[in-house]
Amino acid sequence: MSDDELLNAIKEFTQEQAGRYPKDVKESSCLEKHLGIYGDDAMEYIIAFGKKFNVDVSKFMATEYFSAEGFDIIGAGARLFTGKKSIKKKDLLILHLIKAIKAGKLNQEIINNSKPSF
């Protein structure tokens, strides 16, 4: 499949999973920032993505890419008292998912080797 065909397949999949997606989904779209997929929904999305596209997601570290659902009061309190900032989440882009489909796996190596050119 071409990148355009994979992009369209991911758009359809995202609509099925999330029930919504912005019409301007591009390779540069971030699942959390642009599509609003996070927390438990993100985990379900990644697992379903793996099954749908035959991608091994067992080594994907979702906590590095997706925020938890709700407000983390314990973490916020700890940051308030320690002065530490919250850890910024990494971006998981549609481009990374396209590359994962082609490679048959989604992990740090695939993401790091999928440098956006946009």
C-alpha atoms as a PDB file:
ATOM      1  CA  MET A   1       0.000   0.000   0.000  1.00  0.00           C
ATOM      2  CA  SER A   2       1.133   3.547  -0.670  1.00  0.00           C
ATOM      3  CA  ASP A   3       1.496   6.118   2.110  1.00  0.00           C
ATOM      4  CA  ASP A   4      -1.711   7.824   0.901  1.00  0.00           C
ATOM      5  CA  GLU A   5      -3.628   4.550   1.049  1.00  0.00           C
ATOM      6  CA  LEU A   6      -2.257   3.851   4.533  1.00  0.00           C
ATOM      7  CA  LEU A   7      -3.177   7.383   5.640  1.00  0.00           C
ATOM      8  CA  ASN A   8      -6.752   6.843   4.443  1.00  0.00           C
ATOM      9  CA  ALA A   9      -6.916   3.458   6.180  1.00  0.00           C
ATOM     10  CA  ILE A  10      -5.704   5.046   9.439  1.00  0.00           C
ATOM     11  CA  LYS A  11      -8.281   7.857   9.081  1.00  0.00           C
ATOM     12  CA  GLU A  12     -11.068   5.279   8.712  1.00  0.00           C
ATOM     13  CA  PHE A  13      -9.705   3.234  11.606  1.00  0.00           C
ATOM     14  CA  THR A  14      -9.498   6.333  13.817  1.00  0.00           C
ATOM     15  CA  GLN A  15     -13.088   7.248  13.051  1.00  0.00           C
ATOM     16  CA  GLU A  16     -14.181   3.704  13.931  1.00  0.00           C
ATOM     17  CA  GLN A  17     -12.185   3.715  17.181  1.00  0.00           C
ATOM     18  CA  ALA A  18     -12.675   7.266  18.394  1.00  0.00           C
ATOM     19  CA  GLY A  19     -15.950   8.066  16.666  1.00  0.00           C
ATOM     20  CA  ARG A  20     -14.415  11.295  15.424  1.00  0.00           C
ATOM     21  CA  TYR A  21     -11.393  12.815  13.795  1.00  0.00           C
ATOM     22  CA  PRO A  22     -10.618  16.177  12.296  1.00  0.00           C
ATOM     23  CA  LYS A  23     -11.033  16.191   8.527  1.00  0.00           C
ATOM     24  CA  ASP A  24      -7.507  17.501   8.084  1.00  0.00           C
ATOM     25  CA  VAL A  25      -5.700  14.460   9.489  1.00  0.00           C
ATOM     26  CA  LYS A  26      -2.221  14.470   7.995  1.00  0.00           C
ATOM     27  CA  GLU A  27       0.957  12.510   8.508  1.00  0.00           C
ATOM     28  CA  SER A  28       2.008  15.279  10.906  1.00  0.00           C
ATOM     29  CA  SER A  29      -1.102  14.897  13.109  1.00  0.00           C
ATOM     30  CA  CYS A  30      -0.349  13.912  16.712  1.00  0.00           C
ATOM     31  CA  LEU A  31      -2.732  11.390  18.244  1.00  0.00           C
ATOM     32  CA  GLU A  32      -2.960  13.148  21.602  1.00  0.00           C
ATOM     33  CA  LYS A  33      -2.581  16.828  20.674  1.00  0.00           C
ATOM     34  CA  HIS A  34      -4.545  16.913  17.432  1.00  0.00           C
ATOM     35  CA  LEU A  35      -6.907  13.953  17.670  1.00  0.00           C
ATOM     36  CA  GLY A  36      -7.580  14.050  21.413  1.00  0.00           C
ATOM     37  CA  ILE A  37      -6.724  10.389  21.982  1.00  0.00           C
ATOM     38  CA  TYR A  38      -5.270   9.793  25.467  1.00  0.00           C
ATOM     39  CA  GLY A  39      -5.592   7.694  28.613  1.00  0.00           C
ATOM     40  CA  ASP A  40      -7.451   4.392  28.416  1.00  0.00           C
ATOM     41  CA  ASP A  41      -8.758   5.324  24.965  1.00  0.00           C
ATOM     42  CA  ALA A  42      -5.171   5.585  23.728  1.00  0.00           C
ATOM     43  CA  MET A  43      -4.336   2.119  25.042  1.00  0.00           C
ATOM     44  CA  GLU A  44      -7.423   0.656  23.398  1.00  0.00           C
ATOM     45  CA  TYR A  45      -6.592   2.504  20.173  1.00  0.00           C
ATOM     46  CA  ILE A  46      -3.010   1.153  20.068  1.00  0.00           C
ATOM     47  CA  ILE A  47      -4.096  -2.427  20.827  1.00  0.00           C
ATOM     48  CA  ALA A  48      -6.828  -2.281  18.176  1.00  0.00           C
ATOM     49  CA  PHE A  49      -4.362  -0.655  15.744  1.00  0.00           C
ATOM     50  CA  GLY A  50      -1.984  -3.572  16.248  1.00  0.00           C
ATOM     51  CA  LYS A  51      -4.717  -6.127  15.590  1.00  0.00           C
ATOM     52  CA  LYS A  52      -6.222  -4.312  12.603  1.00  0.00           C
ATOM     53  CA  PHE A  53      -2.928  -3.686  10.800  1.00  0.00           C
ATOM     54  CA  ASN A  54      -1.021  -6.756  12.060  1.00  0.00           C
ATOM     55  CA  VAL A  55       1.504  -4.606  13.950  1.00  0.00           C
ATOM     56  CA  ASP A  56       3.381  -5.852  17.023  1.00  0.00           C
ATOM     57  CA  VAL A  57       2.753  -3.185  19.702  1.00  0.00           C
ATOM     58  CA  SER A  58       4.108  -5.196  22.637  1.00  0.00           C
ATOM     59  CA  LYS A  59       7.205  -2.993  23.006  1.00  0.00           C
ATOM     60  CA  PHE A  60       5.417   0.353  22.561  1.00  0.00           C
ATOM     61  CA  MET A  61       5.758   2.482  25.714  1.00  0.00           C
ATOM     62  CA  ALA A  62       2.373   4.229  25.723  1.00  0.00           C
ATOM     63  CA  THR A  63       3.026   6.130  28.965  1.00  0.00           C
ATOM     64  CA  GLU A  64       5.750   8.113  27.178  1.00  0.00           C
ATOM     65  CA  TYR A  65       3.242   9.311  24.568  1.00  0.00           C
ATOM     66  CA  PHE A  66      -0.163   9.577  26.233  1.00  0.00           C
ATOM     67  CA  SER A  67      -1.434  11.412  29.293  1.00  0.00           C
ATOM     68  CA  ALA A  68      -3.578   9.646  31.846  1.00  0.00           C
ATOM     69  CA  GLU A  69      -7.298  10.307  31.993  1.00  0.00           C
ATOM     70  CA  GLY A  70      -8.558  12.791  34.536  1.00  0.00           C
ATOM     71  CA  PHE A  71      -6.553  15.019  36.840  1.00  0.00           C
ATOM     72  CA  ASP A  72      -3.535  13.516  38.582  1.00  0.00           C
ATOM     73  CA  ILE A  73      -3.919  15.146  42.007  1.00  0.00           C
ATOM     74  CA  ILE A  74      -1.112  13.161  43.640  1.00  0.00           C
ATOM     75  CA  GLY A  75       1.332  13.980  40.872  1.00  0.00           C
ATOM     76  CA  ALA A  76       0.257  17.630  40.856  1.00  0.00           C
ATOM     77  CA  GLY A  77       0.726  17.851  44.634  1.00  0.00           C
ATOM     78  CA  ALA A  78       4.142  16.231  44.445  1.00  0.00           C
ATOM     79  CA  ARG A  79       5.217  18.655  41.710  1.00  0.00           C
ATOM     80  CA  LEU A  80       3.932  21.582  43.767  1.00  0.00           C
ATOM     81  CA  PHE A  81       6.015  20.588  46.792  1.00  0.00           C
ATOM     82  CA  THR A  82       9.137  19.485  44.926  1.00  0.00           C
ATOM     83  CA  GLY A  83       9.110  22.213  42.299  1.00  0.00           C
ATOM     84  CA  LYS A  84       9.553  19.642  39.542  1.00  0.00           C
ATOM     85  CA  LYS A  85       7.746  20.181  36.272  1.00  0.00           C
ATOM     86  CA  SER A  86       5.535  17.515  34.759  1.00  0.00           C
ATOM     87  CA  ILE A  87       7.215  15.329  32.192  1.00  0.00           C
ATOM     88  CA  LYS A  88       6.366  16.370  28.641  1.00  0.00           C
ATOM     89  CA  LYS A  89       4.879  13.578  26.593  1.00  0.00           C
ATOM     90  CA  LYS A  90       6.425  12.608  23.267  1.00  0.00           C
ATOM     91  CA  ASP A  91       4.397  13.003  20.083  1.00  0.00           C
ATOM     92  CA  LEU A  92       3.043   9.904  18.374  1.00  0.00           C
ATOM     93  CA  LEU A  93       2.273  10.983  14.818  1.00  0.00           C
ATOM     94  CA  ILE A  94       0.213   9.407  12.074  1.00  0.00           C
ATOM     95  CA  LEU A  95       3.524   9.157  10.196  1.00  0.00           C
ATOM     96  CA  HIS A  96       4.793   6.822  12.930  1.00  0.00           C
ATOM     97  CA  LEU A  97       1.734   4.599  12.499  1.00  0.00           C
ATOM     98  CA  ILE A  98       2.286   4.440   8.739  1.00  0.00           C
ATOM     99  CA  LYS A  99       5.909   3.404   9.297  1.00  0.00           C
ATOM    100  CA  ALA A 100       4.796   0.861  11.907  1.00  0.00           C
ATOM    101  CA  ILE A 101       2.413  -0.778   9.455  1.00  0.00           C
ATOM    102  CA  LYS A 102       5.206  -1.074   6.898  1.00  0.00           C
ATOM    103  CA  ALA A 103       7.620  -2.511   9.500  1.00  0.00           C
ATOM    104  CA  GLY A 104       5.074  -4.729  11.243  1.00  0.00           C
ATOM    105  CA  LYS A 105       5.969  -3.294  14.648  1.00  0.00           C
ATOM    106  CA  LEU A 106       5.565  -0.115  16.690  1.00  0.00           C
ATOM    107  CA  ASN A 107       8.449   0.628  19.026  1.00  0.00           C
ATOM    108  CA  GLN A 108      11.023   3.311  19.808  1.00  0.00           C
ATOM    109  CA  GLU A 109      13.260   2.275  16.899  1.00  0.00           C
ATOM    110  CA  ILE A 110      10.459   2.738  14.349  1.00  0.00           C
ATOM    111  CA  ILE A 111       9.444   6.076  15.852  1.00  0.00           C
ATOM    112  CA  ASN A 112      13.026   7.388  16.028  1.00  0.00           C
ATOM    113  CA  ASN A 113      13.697   6.373  12.426  1.00  0.00           C
ATOM    114  CA  SER A 114      10.509   8.084  11.186  1.00  0.00           C
ATOM    115  CA  LYS A 115      11.763  11.636  10.983  1.00  0.00           C
ATOM    116  CA  PRO A 116       9.073  13.984   9.670  1.00  0.00           C
ATOM    117  CA  SER A 117      10.001  16.043   6.632  1.00  0.00           C
ATOM    118  CA  PHE A 118       7.200  18.571   7.082  1.00  0.00           C
END
